Amino acid sequence: MSDTPLWQHDPASNGREGFGRDPALDPAVSNILSAAAPEHQVVHDAVTAPGGAGDRFLHNVTHHFWADNGKSVASLFDWTGPAAQGPEGQIAGETAHAYSSYIGSHPDELLKLPGNHTLGQVNPDLTQGMAHGLTPYVTNIAGEHNALTGSFGAFDTGATQDNDFMSTSKGVFSVLNTDPQAAQLFDGKAYEEILRDQNSYAKGIAENVPNAVLDNARMQQADTLRALIDVGTNNALDAKGVNADLQAADAYASKSSAYDLAVKTLSAGADASPGGPVAALGADTLGSALKSDIIGTPPVPSAHPALYSNMTEYEADRAVLNGLIANGTHVNLPADFFGQGDGGSDIKGFAEYSQHPTANTLAETHYNTAVRDALASIVGTNNVAPIGMEKDTYNNITKNPHPWS
């Protein structure tokens, strides 16, 4: 497969606006590359080639302004998703690890291609192909060890993961979020995993599984994924140079679209628990109960719109309570604490509660105390504080959204 830089020298790929995309070499090269795509071993060897050759190949593919928006070369990458669990699982995982590691290590370039464009703006189909190929590995990218770890290990390990630096993971989410369809697909898969994790945690408590409250690995994974989505969404929008109000609104719209796709997918597949299909739980009910806890509430114009939630311990408490409600647990709070979502009742945040037309409005501190007391009555007073500490996972990751800067 070609590693010559000649086809990378067209005017459009070098920031010369108004010259159009290469009508000569571009089609020939894209045809050659797409013809090689079905030969997965060949693609694997090119992408994972040692001595920097793999990265040079990926540089040329991602930095070229393809005349077909990267549709042909997307086939070099999109196969790694469907092949993740099959007989080609090993080379699929290694290929996916290589190209995701590349885009995650070069967000400073791929968010600012020549002409101040992002990868998703110049090559949307290529970006979508990569997102499709990486969906099975979304939890690996977030640092989880699972059945795919043998072919796709975490790239942020040791100190970089322990101190929540996670530069490569943040880079992957940021680059893939530069195209709306890629963002919906990839973030949607991440939201599926978040819903599974939060449901599994709440279900363990609801069914009185021993030590379920303190067995919080799934909640940590959920908060890690949520933070990475928020970082990626905001970095991609920030690269467009929009003002803060518009960025906050666009970020919410992007996350809402991905979240709704996740709920739709789970509803169709009836699989919201890691151990198997949903039993009594409806995915629509779960999705409705947790939506505002996971993606936040629609932003309102303000002088300083919040791009990250700065999660508090009380928000963590409410998220667990809403998961318990979705699993059929009664929560002892006054009626005006609850709002009617699409799938049933859920506990609203203080801002929404205080606007309730019939609310016997409490001060925020008293509202938080009431929520915490309701949780304590279910999990025990000694177990409330560890749940509240889940906020640190999210906050530590989002406090440094672009560590490559």
Protein backbone atom coordinates (compact mmCIF):
# COMPACT_ATOMS: atom_id res chain seq x y z
CA MET A 1 0.00 0.00 0.00
CA SER A 2 1.29 3.39 -0.98
CA ASP A 3 3.34 5.51 1.40
CA THR A 4 4.38 8.10 -1.17
CA PRO A 5 3.63 11.72 -0.20
CA LEU A 6 2.98 12.85 -3.80
CA TRP A 7 -0.81 12.58 -3.54
CA GLN A 8 -0.68 14.59 -0.35
CA HIS A 9 0.58 17.70 -2.16
CA ASP A 10 -2.67 18.90 -3.71
CA PRO A 11 -3.64 22.53 -2.95
CA ALA A 12 -6.79 21.77 -0.90
CA SER A 13 -4.92 19.46 1.48
CA ASN A 14 -2.40 22.21 2.06
CA GLY A 15 -4.83 24.94 3.02
CA ARG A 16 -5.15 26.72 -0.32
CA GLU A 17 -8.84 27.52 -0.31
CA GLY A 18 -10.69 27.86 -3.59
CA PHE A 19 -8.56 25.39 -5.57
CA GLY A 20 -10.87 22.40 -5.14
CA ARG A 21 -9.81 18.88 -4.35
CA ASP A 22 -7.35 16.94 -6.47
CA PRO A 23 -9.15 15.67 -9.63
CA ALA A 24 -6.15 13.67 -10.91
CA LEU A 25 -4.28 11.56 -8.38
CA ASP A 26 -7.03 11.55 -5.74
CA PRO A 27 -9.44 9.15 -7.48
CA ALA A 28 -6.63 6.80 -8.47
CA VAL A 29 -5.23 6.60 -4.94
CA SER A 30 -8.64 6.23 -3.27
CA ASN A 31 -9.53 3.46 -5.73
CA ILE A 32 -6.29 1.61 -4.95
CA LEU A 33 -6.82 1.92 -1.21
CA SER A 34 -10.49 0.92 -1.29
CA ALA A 35 -9.62 -2.08 -3.50
CA ALA A 36 -7.17 -3.22 -0.83
CA ALA A 37 -9.69 -2.73 2.00
CA PRO A 38 -11.25 -6.23 1.82
CA GLU A 39 -7.78 -7.69 2.38
CA HIS A 40 -7.92 -7.14 6.12
CA GLN A 41 -4.52 -8.65 6.82
CA VAL A 42 -2.96 -6.25 4.31
CA VAL A 43 -4.71 -3.30 5.95
CA HIS A 44 -3.63 -4.51 9.38
CA ASP A 45 -0.01 -4.77 8.29
CA ALA A 46 -0.05 -1.27 6.76
CA VAL A 47 -1.69 0.39 9.76
CA THR A 48 0.42 -1.39 12.37
CA ALA A 49 3.70 -1.28 10.41
CA PRO A 50 6.71 -0.75 12.74
CA GLY A 51 9.27 2.02 12.68
CA GLY A 52 6.73 4.78 12.26
CA ALA A 53 5.54 3.49 8.85
CA GLY A 54 2.03 2.84 10.15
CA ASP A 55 1.75 6.37 11.53
CA ARG A 56 3.04 7.84 8.26
CA PHE A 57 0.38 5.94 6.36
CA LEU A 58 -2.33 7.12 8.76
CA HIS A 59 -1.02 10.68 8.53
CA ASN A 60 -1.39 10.67 4.77
CA VAL A 61 -4.87 9.15 4.86
CA THR A 62 -6.23 11.53 7.52
CA HIS A 63 -4.55 14.72 6.28
CA HIS A 64 -5.60 14.41 2.65
CA PHE A 65 -8.74 16.28 1.61
CA TRP A 66 -10.43 13.42 -0.26
CA ALA A 67 -12.65 14.34 -3.20
CA ASP A 68 -15.30 11.87 -2.00
CA ASN A 69 -15.05 13.11 1.62
CA GLY A 70 -13.14 9.98 2.57
CA LYS A 71 -15.91 7.54 1.62
CA SER A 72 -13.61 5.13 -0.22
CA VAL A 73 -10.83 5.05 2.37
CA ALA A 74 -13.36 4.66 5.20
CA SER A 75 -13.52 0.99 4.21
CA LEU A 76 -9.96 0.61 5.49
CA PHE A 77 -11.28 1.12 9.02
CA ASP A 78 -15.01 0.43 9.35
CA TRP A 79 -14.55 -3.37 9.18
CA THR A 80 -12.84 -3.54 12.57
CA GLY A 81 -16.16 -3.07 14.37
CA PRO A 82 -18.12 -5.97 12.86
CA ALA A 83 -15.00 -8.18 12.95
CA ALA A 84 -14.23 -7.55 16.65
CA GLN A 85 -15.83 -10.78 17.89
CA GLY A 86 -15.22 -13.00 14.84
CA PRO A 87 -12.35 -15.10 13.50
CA GLU A 88 -10.51 -11.91 12.54
CA GLY A 89 -10.96 -10.49 16.03
CA GLN A 90 -7.24 -10.32 16.79
CA ILE A 91 -6.20 -8.37 13.70
CA ALA A 92 -9.36 -6.26 13.93
CA GLY A 93 -8.51 -5.20 17.47
CA GLU A 94 -4.87 -4.53 16.66
CA THR A 95 -5.86 -2.47 13.61
CA ALA A 96 -8.46 -0.51 15.58
CA HIS A 97 -5.97 0.08 18.37
CA ALA A 98 -3.41 1.42 15.91
CA TYR A 99 -5.64 3.93 14.12
CA SER A 100 -7.45 5.05 17.26
CA SER A 101 -4.11 5.53 18.97
CA TYR A 102 -3.00 7.64 16.03
CA ILE A 103 -6.01 9.95 15.98
CA GLY A 104 -5.98 10.12 19.78
CA SER A 105 -2.32 11.15 19.76
CA HIS A 106 -2.76 13.84 17.08
CA PRO A 107 -5.85 15.87 18.03
CA ASP A 108 -3.86 19.08 17.81
CA GLU A 109 -3.44 18.38 14.07
CA LEU A 110 -6.79 16.75 13.29
CA LEU A 111 -8.77 19.52 14.97
CA LYS A 112 -6.81 22.12 12.99
CA LEU A 113 -6.12 20.80 9.51
CA PRO A 114 -4.94 23.28 6.85
CA GLY A 115 -7.45 26.07 6.44
CA ASN A 116 -8.43 25.68 10.11
CA HIS A 117 -10.69 22.69 9.45
CA THR A 118 -11.34 19.54 11.46
CA LEU A 119 -11.14 15.96 10.22
CA GLY A 120 -14.93 15.65 10.36
CA GLN A 121 -15.40 18.78 8.27
CA VAL A 122 -13.07 17.79 5.44
CA ASN A 123 -13.54 13.99 5.54
CA PRO A 124 -16.88 13.24 7.22
CA ASP A 125 -17.21 9.78 5.67
CA LEU A 126 -13.74 8.78 6.82
CA THR A 127 -14.56 9.99 10.34
CA GLN A 128 -17.80 8.01 10.33
CA GLY A 129 -15.95 4.90 9.12
CA MET A 130 -13.51 5.17 12.00
CA ALA A 131 -16.34 5.69 14.49
CA HIS A 132 -18.11 2.60 13.14
CA GLY A 133 -14.93 0.58 13.43
CA LEU A 134 -14.29 1.68 17.01
CA THR A 135 -17.72 1.26 18.61
CA PRO A 136 -17.02 -2.21 20.11
CA TYR A 137 -13.87 -0.83 21.75
CA VAL A 138 -15.37 2.27 23.38
CA THR A 139 -14.89 0.93 26.92
CA ASN A 140 -11.33 -0.17 26.11
CA ILE A 141 -10.61 3.37 24.97
CA ALA A 142 -11.91 4.51 28.36
CA GLY A 143 -9.48 2.16 30.12
CA GLU A 144 -11.65 -0.86 30.88
CA HIS A 145 -10.27 -4.40 30.74
CA ASN A 146 -12.67 -6.82 29.07
CA ALA A 147 -12.92 -9.67 26.58
CA LEU A 148 -11.36 -7.51 23.83
CA THR A 149 -8.33 -6.43 25.86
CA GLY A 150 -6.16 -9.12 24.29
CA SER A 151 -6.31 -7.34 20.95
CA PHE A 152 -7.11 -3.81 22.12
CA GLY A 153 -5.42 -2.82 25.35
CA ALA A 154 -5.88 0.54 27.05
CA PHE A 155 -3.49 3.15 25.69
CA ASP A 156 -3.72 5.46 28.69
CA THR A 157 -2.16 3.33 31.41
CA GLY A 158 -0.13 3.74 34.59
CA ALA A 159 0.36 7.31 35.72
CA THR A 160 -1.52 8.88 32.78
CA GLN A 161 -4.66 6.97 33.68
CA ASP A 162 -4.28 7.16 37.44
CA ASN A 163 -4.06 10.94 37.42
CA ASP A 164 -6.92 11.23 34.91
CA PHE A 165 -4.69 12.73 32.22
CA MET A 166 -6.08 10.27 29.62
CA SER A 167 -4.71 12.31 26.74
CA THR A 168 -5.14 9.68 24.02
CA SER A 169 -8.67 8.76 25.12
CA LYS A 170 -9.67 12.42 25.13
CA GLY A 171 -8.11 12.81 21.69
CA VAL A 172 -10.12 9.93 20.22
CA PHE A 173 -13.43 11.30 21.52
CA SER A 174 -12.52 14.82 20.37
CA VAL A 175 -11.61 13.84 16.81
CA LEU A 176 -14.61 11.54 16.30
CA ASN A 177 -16.95 14.26 17.56
CA THR A 178 -15.96 16.55 14.69
CA ASP A 179 -18.61 14.92 12.48
CA PRO A 180 -22.21 14.85 13.79
CA GLN A 181 -23.01 11.34 12.50
CA ALA A 182 -19.75 9.92 13.82
CA ALA A 183 -20.45 11.58 17.18
CA GLN A 184 -23.96 10.16 17.35
CA LEU A 185 -22.72 6.65 16.56
CA PHE A 186 -19.65 6.59 18.81
CA ASP A 187 -21.06 8.57 21.74
CA GLY A 188 -24.28 6.61 21.40
CA LYS A 189 -22.37 3.40 21.99
CA ALA A 190 -20.69 4.99 25.01
CA TYR A 191 -24.08 6.01 26.40
CA GLU A 192 -25.29 2.42 25.95
CA GLU A 193 -22.44 1.30 28.19
CA ILE A 194 -23.17 4.06 30.70
CA LEU A 195 -26.80 2.99 30.93
CA ARG A 196 -25.79 -0.65 31.34
CA ASP A 197 -23.29 0.26 34.05
CA GLN A 198 -25.63 2.51 36.02
CA ASN A 199 -28.48 0.02 35.71
CA SER A 200 -26.26 -2.83 36.89
CA TYR A 201 -25.16 -0.83 39.93
CA ALA A 202 -28.71 0.23 40.86
CA LYS A 203 -30.09 -3.24 40.23
CA GLY A 204 -27.57 -4.77 42.64
CA ILE A 205 -28.72 -2.38 45.36
CA ALA A 206 -32.40 -2.90 44.56
CA GLU A 207 -31.99 -6.69 44.79
CA ASN A 208 -29.99 -6.47 48.05
CA VAL A 209 -26.87 -8.05 46.57
CA PRO A 210 -24.18 -8.16 49.30
CA ASN A 211 -21.71 -5.22 49.11
CA ALA A 212 -23.53 -3.85 46.06
CA VAL A 213 -23.25 -0.24 47.24
CA LEU A 214 -19.48 -0.35 47.66
CA ASP A 215 -18.89 -2.38 44.48
CA ASN A 216 -18.74 0.79 42.41
CA ALA A 217 -16.45 -0.17 39.52
CA ARG A 218 -19.31 0.16 37.04
CA MET A 219 -20.22 3.62 38.29
CA GLN A 220 -16.60 4.70 37.91
CA GLN A 221 -16.60 3.37 34.37
CA ALA A 222 -19.87 5.20 33.64
CA ASP A 223 -18.52 8.49 34.99
CA THR A 224 -15.30 8.05 32.99
CA LEU A 225 -17.23 7.57 29.76
CA ARG A 226 -19.53 10.49 30.54
CA ALA A 227 -16.54 12.75 31.14
CA LEU A 228 -14.85 11.64 27.90
CA ILE A 229 -18.03 12.35 25.91
CA ASP A 230 -18.28 15.83 27.41
CA VAL A 231 -14.61 16.54 26.74
CA GLY A 232 -14.79 15.26 23.18
CA THR A 233 -18.01 17.11 22.36
CA ASN A 234 -16.74 20.44 23.68
CA ASN A 235 -13.29 20.13 22.11
CA ALA A 236 -14.81 19.41 18.70
CA LEU A 237 -17.18 22.37 18.97
CA ASP A 238 -14.45 24.61 20.34
CA ALA A 239 -12.41 23.85 17.21
CA LYS A 240 -15.20 25.46 15.17
CA GLY A 241 -14.71 28.72 17.07
CA VAL A 242 -18.35 29.23 18.08
CA ASN A 243 -19.33 31.41 21.03
CA ALA A 244 -19.94 29.86 24.44
CA ASP A 245 -23.75 30.07 24.36
CA LEU A 246 -23.94 28.38 20.97
CA GLN A 247 -21.34 25.81 22.03
CA ALA A 248 -23.35 24.89 25.12
CA ALA A 249 -26.54 24.52 23.06
CA ASP A 250 -24.83 22.51 20.31
CA ALA A 251 -23.12 20.28 22.88
CA TYR A 252 -26.43 19.46 24.51
CA ALA A 253 -28.06 18.76 21.12
CA SER A 254 -25.21 16.45 20.12
CA LYS A 255 -25.30 14.53 23.40
CA SER A 256 -29.09 14.31 23.37
CA SER A 257 -29.04 12.84 19.85
CA ALA A 258 -26.46 10.22 20.85
CA TYR A 259 -28.27 9.42 24.10
CA ASP A 260 -31.61 8.96 22.36
CA LEU A 261 -29.95 6.59 19.87
CA ALA A 262 -28.55 4.58 22.80
CA VAL A 263 -31.97 4.27 24.42
CA LYS A 264 -33.52 3.27 21.09
CA THR A 265 -30.83 0.64 20.53
CA LEU A 266 -31.22 -0.80 24.01
CA SER A 267 -34.99 -0.84 23.67
CA ALA A 268 -34.74 -2.75 20.40
CA GLY A 269 -32.16 -5.21 21.70
CA ALA A 270 -33.50 -5.48 25.27
CA ASP A 271 -29.99 -5.69 26.72
CA ALA A 272 -29.43 -3.15 29.48
CA SER A 273 -27.65 -5.46 31.88
CA PRO A 274 -24.11 -6.81 31.46
CA GLY A 275 -25.19 -10.35 32.29
CA GLY A 276 -27.94 -10.69 29.71
CA PRO A 277 -31.25 -9.29 28.45
CA VAL A 278 -33.49 -6.98 30.39
CA ALA A 279 -36.05 -8.69 32.57
CA ALA A 280 -38.63 -6.42 34.22
CA LEU A 281 -36.74 -3.28 33.32
CA GLY A 282 -37.75 -1.28 30.25
CA ALA A 283 -34.90 0.57 28.56
CA ASP A 284 -37.20 3.51 27.82
CA THR A 285 -37.95 3.83 31.53
CA LEU A 286 -34.29 3.65 32.44
CA GLY A 287 -33.30 6.12 29.73
CA SER A 288 -35.94 8.63 30.74
CA ALA A 289 -35.07 8.37 34.44
CA LEU A 290 -31.36 8.95 33.90
CA LYS A 291 -31.19 11.35 30.94
CA SER A 292 -30.77 14.60 32.86
CA ASP A 293 -28.34 12.94 35.29
CA ILE A 294 -26.15 11.71 32.42
CA ILE A 295 -26.25 14.48 29.80
CA GLY A 296 -27.47 17.40 31.91
CA THR A 297 -30.42 19.71 31.30
CA PRO A 298 -30.93 21.98 28.27
CA PRO A 299 -28.76 25.08 28.70
CA VAL A 300 -30.22 28.54 29.01
CA PRO A 301 -28.44 31.64 27.64
CA SER A 302 -26.20 33.16 30.28
CA ALA A 303 -23.12 35.28 30.66
CA HIS A 304 -21.03 32.21 31.51
CA PRO A 305 -22.71 29.00 30.29
CA ALA A 306 -21.35 25.85 31.91
CA LEU A 307 -19.71 23.48 29.44
CA TYR A 308 -19.02 20.87 32.14
CA SER A 309 -21.26 19.96 35.05
CA ASN A 310 -18.75 20.28 37.93
CA MET A 311 -20.55 17.31 39.39
CA THR A 312 -21.51 17.45 43.07
CA GLU A 313 -22.03 14.59 45.51
CA TYR A 314 -25.75 15.35 45.51
CA GLU A 315 -25.94 14.85 41.75
CA ALA A 316 -24.28 11.47 42.26
CA ASP A 317 -26.87 10.66 44.95
CA ARG A 318 -29.74 11.62 42.64
CA ALA A 319 -28.37 9.53 39.76
CA VAL A 320 -28.34 6.42 41.96
CA LEU A 321 -31.86 7.14 43.24
CA ASN A 322 -33.15 7.51 39.68
CA GLY A 323 -31.55 4.20 38.77
CA LEU A 324 -33.27 2.62 41.76
CA ILE A 325 -36.61 4.10 40.70
CA ALA A 326 -36.16 2.59 37.23
CA ASN A 327 -35.59 -0.76 38.95
CA GLY A 328 -38.82 -0.55 40.91
CA THR A 329 -37.53 0.77 44.25
CA HIS A 330 -39.79 3.17 46.12
CA VAL A 331 -38.05 6.44 47.04
CA ASN A 332 -39.53 8.35 49.96
CA LEU A 333 -39.64 11.96 48.79
CA PRO A 334 -42.51 14.46 48.41
CA ALA A 335 -44.36 14.36 45.10
CA ASP A 336 -43.05 17.73 43.97
CA PHE A 337 -39.50 16.33 43.83
CA PHE A 338 -40.52 14.19 40.89
CA GLY A 339 -41.03 15.05 37.26
CA GLN A 340 -42.73 12.96 34.63
CA GLY A 341 -40.25 11.81 32.00
CA ASP A 342 -41.17 9.99 28.82
CA GLY A 343 -40.96 6.64 30.58
CA GLY A 344 -42.05 7.47 34.14
CA SER A 345 -41.15 9.49 37.21
CA ASP A 346 -37.65 10.67 38.05
CA ILE A 347 -36.16 13.00 40.63
CA LYS A 348 -35.41 16.37 39.14
CA GLY A 349 -32.39 18.49 39.91
CA PHE A 350 -32.79 21.49 42.17
CA ALA A 351 -33.13 23.98 39.31
CA GLU A 352 -36.05 22.05 37.83
CA TYR A 353 -37.57 21.33 41.24
CA SER A 354 -37.55 24.99 42.20
CA GLN A 355 -39.51 25.88 39.05
CA HIS A 356 -42.24 23.32 39.73
CA PRO A 357 -45.56 25.25 39.75
CA THR A 358 -46.85 23.45 42.86
CA ALA A 359 -43.54 22.95 44.67
CA ASN A 360 -43.28 23.66 48.37
CA THR A 361 -39.89 25.05 47.49
CA LEU A 362 -37.02 24.33 49.85
CA ALA A 363 -33.67 26.07 49.93
CA GLU A 364 -31.08 24.16 47.93
CA THR A 365 -29.26 22.93 51.03
CA HIS A 366 -32.50 21.49 52.42
CA TYR A 367 -33.34 19.97 49.04
CA ASN A 368 -29.94 18.26 48.95
CA THR A 369 -30.40 17.00 52.50
CA ALA A 370 -33.79 15.53 51.61
CA VAL A 371 -32.31 13.68 48.62
CA ARG A 372 -29.42 12.39 50.69
CA ASP A 373 -31.73 11.24 53.49
CA ALA A 374 -33.88 9.38 50.96
CA LEU A 375 -30.80 7.59 49.68
CA ALA A 376 -29.61 6.81 53.21
CA SER A 377 -32.93 5.18 54.04
CA ILE A 378 -32.25 2.69 51.21
CA VAL A 379 -28.51 2.06 51.32
CA GLY A 380 -27.71 2.93 54.95
CA THR A 381 -26.20 6.12 56.32
CA ASN A 382 -22.63 4.81 56.25
CA ASN A 383 -22.86 4.03 52.54
CA VAL A 384 -24.00 7.45 51.34
CA ALA A 385 -20.63 9.19 51.42
CA PRO A 386 -18.90 6.68 49.08
CA ILE A 387 -21.66 7.21 46.51
CA GLY A 388 -21.18 10.96 46.67
CA MET A 389 -17.47 10.57 46.01
CA GLU A 390 -18.26 9.30 42.50
CA LYS A 391 -18.23 12.96 41.48
CA ASP A 392 -14.43 12.92 41.64
CA THR A 393 -14.09 10.52 38.70
CA TYR A 394 -15.96 12.88 36.37
CA ASN A 395 -14.49 16.11 37.71
CA ASN A 396 -10.88 14.93 37.65
CA ILE A 397 -11.12 13.98 33.97
CA THR A 398 -12.90 17.13 32.80
CA LYS A 399 -10.66 19.57 34.67
CA ASN A 400 -8.01 19.13 31.96
CA PRO A 401 -10.03 18.73 28.74
CA HIS A 402 -7.16 19.15 26.26
CA PRO A 403 -3.92 17.96 27.89
CA TRP A 404 -2.05 18.13 24.58
CA SER A 405 -2.25 21.94 24.52
